[in-house]
């Protein structure tokens, strides 16, 4: 008989090994699924995980890796801070959408003027919009005891409706021949988020993601606020006795994650997406949750996990194009990855023992 026995402390080796095991298990299970569907499993896995980096389409795919990874890393960096404190922001997708809307509103209000300060103002507006949207669940938790999980998640759907209203109403392009959607900011030089180095895919969002990883590392390892966050996550009652105010941490963590998600939305609407549409939300806010956990809530791990999940986006699109795989391939892979990660995480807290019957 097999039983799980709690460990006295988390095994460091398993904390490193479980993300790797989760990725391998996802590949194997995905291959079996592809075989059942009638596709060559080896070719499908190679197309998703190998061809974007080293295949014939790599010249196009490699620059896209940074484009896809930047918003995931930026959002996950903020989420990880709250998760370490036991504060669960599940609504980063909504904060991403609102940040994009606020940043685009600044650009459209100044159109067609060319100003050096316009793009920095858009970044600030995007961060402020995401922060404000994140502060709603923070205030409701602090003042009314509401669950930040439910409130932040429900606000995602509100944000989606706001985006649709903007696309059909206040932000609708007057020169768009009646089609919903705002002006294309890529055609507005002062408001665009261009590629900084030709052929790399790196834009200002990539720079912001790198700076966010560095800042979160400094916060969590070198700042007193990081100590308070870790203490609250490990022993909430002890942290209160030590003088840590839970209300302050809730506001800080949800505000920080909201502002980073809002910045990600701004960089996306000023760059790859180009405009506000009714379907502006791309799911990055939800995928970033997987990135945060796959990276073990560690800044360096989040950086690597963001690149891996970006690879699944690009590889999934390539598999759809070359092998006619279903469009849900990416979502299936990401779901399996989170499933296996949570399953293997048991090994960090429990050890498997064989119980001999009496």
Protein backbone atom coordinates (compact mmCIF):
# COMPACT_ATOMS: atom_id res chain seq x y z
CA UNK A 1 0.00 0.00 0.00
CA UNK A 2 1.35 3.43 -0.98
CA UNK A 3 0.95 6.44 1.28
CA UNK A 4 2.16 10.06 1.36
CA UNK A 5 4.11 11.11 4.43
CA UNK A 6 4.62 14.86 5.09
CA UNK A 7 8.22 16.06 4.91
CA UNK A 8 9.67 18.02 7.79
CA UNK A 9 10.92 20.58 5.24
CA UNK A 10 10.60 21.07 1.50
CA UNK A 11 13.19 19.12 -0.47
CA UNK A 12 15.36 21.59 -2.46
CA UNK A 13 16.14 18.99 -5.12
CA UNK A 14 12.47 18.32 -5.77
CA UNK A 15 11.72 22.05 -6.00
CA UNK A 16 14.13 22.20 -8.94
CA UNK A 17 13.17 18.85 -10.45
CA UNK A 18 9.38 19.15 -10.42
CA UNK A 19 9.13 21.84 -13.16
CA UNK A 20 11.41 19.74 -15.38
CA UNK A 21 9.37 16.62 -14.70
CA UNK A 22 6.17 18.54 -15.42
CA UNK A 23 7.50 19.66 -18.82
CA UNK A 24 8.61 16.12 -19.73
CA UNK A 25 5.29 14.65 -18.63
CA UNK A 26 3.45 17.26 -20.70
CA UNK A 27 5.47 16.34 -23.78
CA UNK A 28 4.85 12.61 -23.31
CA UNK A 29 1.13 13.00 -22.59
CA UNK A 30 0.78 15.49 -25.45
CA UNK A 31 2.45 13.01 -27.80
CA UNK A 32 0.01 10.29 -26.75
CA UNK A 33 -2.90 12.69 -27.30
CA UNK A 34 -1.62 13.58 -30.78
CA UNK A 35 -1.27 9.88 -31.64
CA UNK A 36 -4.89 9.24 -30.58
CA UNK A 37 -5.97 12.15 -32.80
CA UNK A 38 -4.16 10.61 -35.76
CA UNK A 39 -1.12 12.91 -35.91
CA UNK A 40 2.53 11.92 -35.82
CA UNK A 41 3.40 12.56 -32.13
CA UNK A 42 7.14 12.97 -32.72
CA UNK A 43 6.57 15.46 -35.54
CA UNK A 44 4.02 17.40 -33.48
CA UNK A 45 6.30 17.71 -30.43
CA UNK A 46 9.23 18.66 -32.66
CA UNK A 47 7.15 21.32 -34.40
CA UNK A 48 6.05 22.88 -31.11
CA UNK A 49 9.27 22.76 -29.11
CA UNK A 50 12.12 22.49 -31.63
CA UNK A 51 11.23 24.03 -34.99
CA UNK A 52 10.54 27.58 -33.66
CA UNK A 53 14.16 27.72 -32.46
CA UNK A 54 16.09 25.61 -34.95
CA UNK A 55 13.73 24.75 -37.82
CA UNK A 56 13.24 26.35 -41.22
CA UNK A 57 10.88 28.98 -39.77
CA UNK A 58 13.26 29.93 -36.96
CA UNK A 59 14.29 33.18 -38.67
CA UNK A 60 10.74 34.43 -38.07
CA UNK A 61 9.99 32.53 -34.86
CA UNK A 62 13.01 33.48 -32.78
CA UNK A 63 12.24 37.22 -32.69
CA UNK A 64 8.64 36.38 -31.79
CA UNK A 65 9.87 34.53 -28.72
CA UNK A 66 10.70 37.79 -26.94
CA UNK A 67 7.49 39.43 -28.17
CA UNK A 68 5.38 36.64 -26.63
CA UNK A 69 7.50 36.19 -23.50
CA UNK A 70 7.69 39.86 -22.44
CA UNK A 71 4.06 40.29 -21.24
CA UNK A 72 4.09 36.86 -19.57
CA UNK A 73 7.26 37.67 -17.62
CA UNK A 74 6.08 41.16 -16.73
CA UNK A 75 2.72 39.99 -15.40
CA UNK A 76 4.08 36.88 -13.67
CA UNK A 77 6.72 38.93 -11.83
CA UNK A 78 3.99 40.94 -10.15
CA UNK A 79 1.80 37.93 -9.45
CA UNK A 80 4.66 36.06 -7.81
CA UNK A 81 5.06 38.75 -5.15
CA UNK A 82 1.45 38.40 -4.06
CA UNK A 83 1.52 34.61 -4.26
CA UNK A 84 4.54 34.55 -1.94
CA UNK A 85 2.46 36.49 0.60
CA UNK A 86 -0.63 34.31 0.17
CA UNK A 87 -2.47 37.03 -1.76
CA UNK A 88 -4.05 35.50 -4.86
CA UNK A 89 -4.57 37.85 -7.78
CA UNK A 90 -6.34 35.74 -10.42
CA UNK A 91 -7.56 38.76 -12.39
CA UNK A 92 -4.36 39.97 -14.05
CA UNK A 93 -6.08 39.55 -17.41
CA UNK A 94 -8.54 42.30 -16.49
CA UNK A 95 -5.76 44.58 -15.27
CA UNK A 96 -3.91 43.91 -18.53
CA UNK A 97 -6.97 44.97 -20.54
CA UNK A 98 -7.65 48.12 -18.51
CA UNK A 99 -3.98 49.12 -18.69
CA UNK A 100 -4.07 48.82 -22.46
CA UNK A 101 -7.26 50.89 -22.66
CA UNK A 102 -5.87 53.67 -20.43
CA UNK A 103 -2.60 53.85 -22.36
CA UNK A 104 -4.40 53.90 -25.70
CA UNK A 105 -6.75 56.63 -24.42
CA UNK A 106 -3.76 58.93 -23.81
CA UNK A 107 -2.46 58.31 -27.33
CA UNK A 108 -5.84 58.83 -28.99
CA UNK A 109 -6.47 62.00 -26.99
CA UNK A 110 -3.22 63.49 -28.35
CA UNK A 111 -3.74 62.25 -31.93
CA UNK A 112 -2.34 63.33 -34.38
CA UNK A 113 0.19 65.43 -32.49
CA UNK A 114 3.79 64.27 -32.25
CA UNK A 115 5.22 64.71 -28.74
CA UNK A 116 8.34 63.25 -27.12
CA UNK A 117 6.50 62.78 -23.84
CA UNK A 118 3.56 60.87 -25.31
CA UNK A 119 4.87 57.30 -25.02
CA UNK A 120 6.16 57.74 -21.42
CA UNK A 121 2.75 59.20 -20.54
CA UNK A 122 1.09 56.15 -22.10
CA UNK A 123 3.28 53.83 -20.00
CA UNK A 124 2.36 55.75 -16.85
CA UNK A 125 -1.34 55.67 -17.76
CA UNK A 126 -1.21 51.93 -18.44
CA UNK A 127 0.47 51.23 -15.10
CA UNK A 128 -1.98 53.53 -13.29
CA UNK A 129 -5.01 51.90 -14.94
CA UNK A 130 -3.83 48.40 -14.01
CA UNK A 131 -3.06 49.58 -10.47
CA UNK A 132 -6.54 51.08 -10.07
CA UNK A 133 -8.18 47.88 -11.32
CA UNK A 134 -6.06 45.82 -8.94
CA UNK A 135 -6.94 48.05 -6.01
CA UNK A 136 -10.64 47.19 -6.30
CA UNK A 137 -10.22 43.63 -4.92
CA UNK A 138 -7.63 44.99 -2.45
CA UNK A 139 -10.08 47.50 -0.97
CA UNK A 140 -12.94 45.00 -0.91
CA UNK A 141 -10.76 42.49 0.93
CA UNK A 142 -9.47 45.05 3.43
CA UNK A 143 -12.79 46.78 4.08
CA UNK A 144 -15.37 44.03 3.58
CA UNK A 145 -13.41 40.79 3.91
CA UNK A 146 -14.22 39.78 0.33
CA UNK A 147 -12.15 37.12 -1.41
CA UNK A 148 -9.61 38.72 -3.73
CA UNK A 149 -9.70 35.52 -5.81
CA UNK A 150 -13.37 35.88 -6.73
CA UNK A 151 -13.39 39.66 -7.02
CA UNK A 152 -10.30 39.86 -9.25
CA UNK A 153 -11.56 37.01 -11.44
CA UNK A 154 -15.02 38.55 -11.90
CA UNK A 155 -13.44 41.89 -12.80
CA UNK A 156 -11.83 40.19 -15.82
CA UNK A 157 -15.25 39.84 -17.43
CA UNK A 158 -16.10 43.43 -16.56
CA UNK A 159 -12.86 44.56 -18.23
CA UNK A 160 -13.72 42.54 -21.35
CA UNK A 161 -17.07 44.32 -21.58
CA UNK A 162 -15.34 47.67 -21.14
CA UNK A 163 -12.97 46.80 -24.01
CA UNK A 164 -15.91 45.87 -26.23
CA UNK A 165 -17.69 49.11 -25.35
CA UNK A 166 -14.57 51.12 -26.16
CA UNK A 167 -14.07 49.32 -29.48
CA UNK A 168 -17.67 49.97 -30.56
CA UNK A 169 -18.06 53.37 -28.92
CA UNK A 170 -15.70 56.05 -27.56
CA UNK A 171 -12.50 54.67 -29.13
CA UNK A 172 -13.96 53.54 -32.44
CA UNK A 173 -11.83 54.66 -35.37
CA UNK A 174 -13.78 57.36 -37.26
CA UNK A 175 -11.86 56.39 -40.39
CA UNK A 176 -12.37 52.65 -39.92
CA UNK A 177 -15.30 52.28 -42.37
CA UNK A 178 -17.63 51.23 -39.56
CA UNK A 179 -15.48 48.37 -38.27
CA UNK A 180 -15.09 48.21 -34.47
CA UNK A 181 -11.71 49.00 -33.02
CA UNK A 182 -9.53 52.01 -32.29
CA UNK A 183 -6.97 53.63 -34.53
CA UNK A 184 -3.87 51.53 -35.17
CA UNK A 185 -1.21 52.95 -32.86
CA UNK A 186 1.55 51.32 -34.91
CA UNK A 187 0.82 53.97 -37.55
CA UNK A 188 1.18 56.76 -34.99
CA UNK A 189 4.97 57.20 -34.51
CA UNK A 190 4.88 58.94 -31.13
CA UNK A 191 2.55 56.30 -29.68
CA UNK A 192 4.04 53.14 -31.19
CA UNK A 193 6.20 50.55 -29.44
CA UNK A 194 8.70 49.72 -32.18
CA UNK A 195 11.34 47.03 -32.42
CA UNK A 196 14.46 48.48 -30.78
CA UNK A 197 17.01 46.23 -32.50
CA UNK A 198 16.09 44.99 -35.96
CA UNK A 199 15.62 41.25 -36.20
CA UNK A 200 15.44 40.60 -32.44
CA UNK A 201 11.79 41.33 -31.66
CA UNK A 202 12.89 43.33 -28.61
CA UNK A 203 10.69 46.34 -27.86
CA UNK A 204 10.21 48.47 -24.76
CA UNK A 205 8.06 45.76 -23.21
CA UNK A 206 11.04 43.38 -23.30
CA UNK A 207 13.17 46.01 -21.54
CA UNK A 208 10.45 46.52 -18.92
CA UNK A 209 10.18 42.76 -18.35
CA UNK A 210 13.93 42.47 -17.76
CA UNK A 211 13.87 45.42 -15.35
CA UNK A 212 10.86 43.92 -13.54
CA UNK A 213 12.70 40.63 -13.00
CA UNK A 214 15.67 42.51 -11.54
CA UNK A 215 13.47 44.75 -9.37
CA UNK A 216 11.47 41.83 -7.98
CA UNK A 217 14.70 39.99 -7.13
CA UNK A 218 15.98 43.04 -5.23
CA UNK A 219 12.62 43.48 -3.49
CA UNK A 220 12.34 39.87 -2.35
CA UNK A 221 15.97 39.32 -1.34
CA UNK A 222 17.32 42.73 -0.29
CA UNK A 223 14.38 44.80 0.99
CA UNK A 224 12.50 44.75 4.28
CA UNK A 225 9.19 44.64 2.40
CA UNK A 226 10.30 41.39 0.78
CA UNK A 227 10.97 39.96 4.24
CA UNK A 228 7.46 40.96 5.32
CA UNK A 229 6.00 39.31 2.22
CA UNK A 230 7.86 36.04 2.80
CA UNK A 231 6.96 36.05 6.49
CA UNK A 232 3.27 36.63 5.76
CA UNK A 233 3.23 33.76 3.30
CA UNK A 234 4.96 31.31 5.65
CA UNK A 235 3.43 32.30 9.00
CA UNK A 236 0.68 34.95 8.81
CA UNK A 237 -0.03 35.07 12.56
CA UNK A 238 3.64 35.34 13.43
CA UNK A 239 4.04 38.12 10.87
CA UNK A 240 1.21 40.08 12.54
CA UNK A 241 2.88 39.74 15.95
CA UNK A 242 6.09 41.04 14.34
CA UNK A 243 4.30 44.22 13.28
CA UNK A 244 3.43 43.39 9.67
CA UNK A 245 0.10 44.94 8.68
CA UNK A 246 -1.88 42.55 6.43
CA UNK A 247 -3.96 45.38 4.94
CA UNK A 248 -0.83 47.19 3.78
CA UNK A 249 0.57 44.05 2.17
CA UNK A 250 -2.71 43.33 0.38
CA UNK A 251 -2.79 46.82 -1.10
CA UNK A 252 0.90 46.69 -2.02
CA UNK A 253 0.84 43.26 -3.68
CA UNK A 254 -2.40 43.74 -5.62
CA UNK A 255 -1.37 47.25 -6.63
CA UNK A 256 2.07 46.10 -7.80
CA UNK A 257 0.77 43.13 -9.79
CA UNK A 258 -1.98 45.30 -11.28
CA UNK A 259 0.43 48.01 -12.39
CA UNK A 260 2.80 45.51 -14.05
CA UNK A 261 -0.13 43.83 -15.81
CA UNK A 262 -1.38 47.24 -16.95
CA UNK A 263 2.06 48.08 -18.35
CA UNK A 264 2.05 44.76 -20.22
CA UNK A 265 -1.30 45.70 -21.75
CA UNK A 266 0.03 49.09 -22.82
CA UNK A 267 3.14 47.63 -24.47
CA UNK A 268 0.93 45.15 -26.29
CA UNK A 269 -1.61 47.69 -27.58
CA UNK A 270 1.19 50.04 -28.69
CA UNK A 271 3.11 47.20 -30.32
CA UNK A 272 2.00 43.75 -31.55
CA UNK A 273 -1.77 44.25 -31.10
CA UNK A 274 -1.77 47.85 -32.32
CA UNK A 275 -5.32 48.72 -31.34
CA UNK A 276 -8.12 48.20 -28.85
CA UNK A 277 -10.66 45.66 -30.10
CA UNK A 278 -13.48 43.79 -28.44
CA UNK A 279 -11.15 40.77 -28.15
CA UNK A 280 -8.10 42.69 -26.94
CA UNK A 281 -7.54 40.31 -24.00
CA UNK A 282 -5.24 37.57 -25.25
CA UNK A 283 -5.15 35.31 -22.19
CA UNK A 284 -1.69 36.47 -21.10
CA UNK A 285 -3.01 37.27 -17.62
CA UNK A 286 -4.13 33.68 -17.06
CA UNK A 287 -1.07 32.10 -18.68
CA UNK A 288 1.14 34.24 -16.44
CA UNK A 289 -0.23 32.31 -13.45
CA UNK A 290 1.29 29.15 -14.94
CA UNK A 291 4.53 31.04 -15.59
CA UNK A 292 4.70 32.18 -11.96
CA UNK A 293 4.21 28.68 -10.55
CA UNK A 294 6.40 26.99 -13.14
CA UNK A 295 9.14 29.46 -12.21
CA UNK A 296 8.71 28.56 -8.51
CA UNK A 297 7.79 32.22 -7.78
CA UNK A 298 11.46 33.02 -8.34
CA UNK A 299 12.46 35.88 -10.69
CA UNK A 300 15.02 33.82 -12.61
CA UNK A 301 12.64 30.87 -12.82
CA UNK A 302 9.89 33.17 -14.10
CA UNK A 303 12.24 34.41 -16.82
CA UNK A 304 12.89 30.86 -18.03
CA UNK A 305 9.27 29.77 -17.64
CA UNK A 306 8.08 32.81 -19.61
CA UNK A 307 10.34 31.87 -22.51
CA UNK A 308 9.06 28.27 -22.38
CA UNK A 309 5.38 29.27 -22.41
CA UNK A 310 6.11 31.74 -25.22
CA UNK A 311 7.62 28.84 -27.12
CA UNK A 312 4.37 26.89 -26.76
CA UNK A 313 2.45 29.86 -28.22
CA UNK A 314 4.75 30.12 -31.24
CA UNK A 315 5.10 26.37 -31.69
CA UNK A 316 1.34 25.89 -31.44
CA UNK A 317 0.76 28.47 -34.16
CA UNK A 318 3.40 26.79 -36.33
CA UNK A 319 1.78 23.38 -35.77
CA UNK A 320 -1.60 24.78 -36.79
CA UNK A 321 -0.07 26.13 -39.99
CA UNK A 322 2.05 23.14 -41.01
CA UNK A 323 0.18 20.16 -39.52
CA UNK A 324 -3.38 21.54 -39.28
CA UNK A 325 -3.49 20.83 -35.55
CA UNK A 326 -6.54 22.25 -33.73
CA UNK A 327 -6.33 25.83 -32.50
CA UNK A 328 -6.80 24.64 -28.90
CA UNK A 329 -3.42 22.89 -28.95
CA UNK A 330 -1.70 25.65 -26.99
CA UNK A 331 -4.40 25.78 -24.31
CA UNK A 332 -4.29 21.99 -23.93
CA UNK A 333 -0.51 22.04 -23.48
CA UNK A 334 -0.65 24.86 -20.97
CA UNK A 335 -3.43 23.16 -19.02
CA UNK A 336 -1.54 19.86 -18.89
CA UNK A 337 1.60 21.70 -17.81
CA UNK A 338 -0.18 23.28 -14.84
CA UNK A 339 -1.85 19.97 -13.97
CA UNK A 340 1.42 18.05 -13.90
CA UNK A 341 3.21 20.85 -12.07
CA UNK A 342 0.64 20.85 -9.27
CA UNK A 343 0.72 17.06 -9.17
CA UNK A 344 4.50 16.79 -8.96
CA UNK A 345 4.53 19.56 -6.36
CA UNK A 346 3.25 16.96 -3.90
CA UNK A 347 6.76 15.52 -3.98
CA UNK A 348 8.18 18.72 -2.50
CA UNK A 349 5.88 18.47 0.54
CA UNK A 350 5.38 14.71 0.86
CA UNK A 351 7.47 11.62 0.35
CA UNK A 352 6.11 8.35 -0.99
CA UNK A 353 6.33 5.36 1.33
CA UNK A 354 5.22 1.79 0.96
CA UNK A 355 3.08 0.72 3.86
CA UNK A 356 3.33 -2.97 4.70
CA UNK A 357 0.03 -4.53 5.75
CA UNK A 358 -0.03 -5.96 9.27
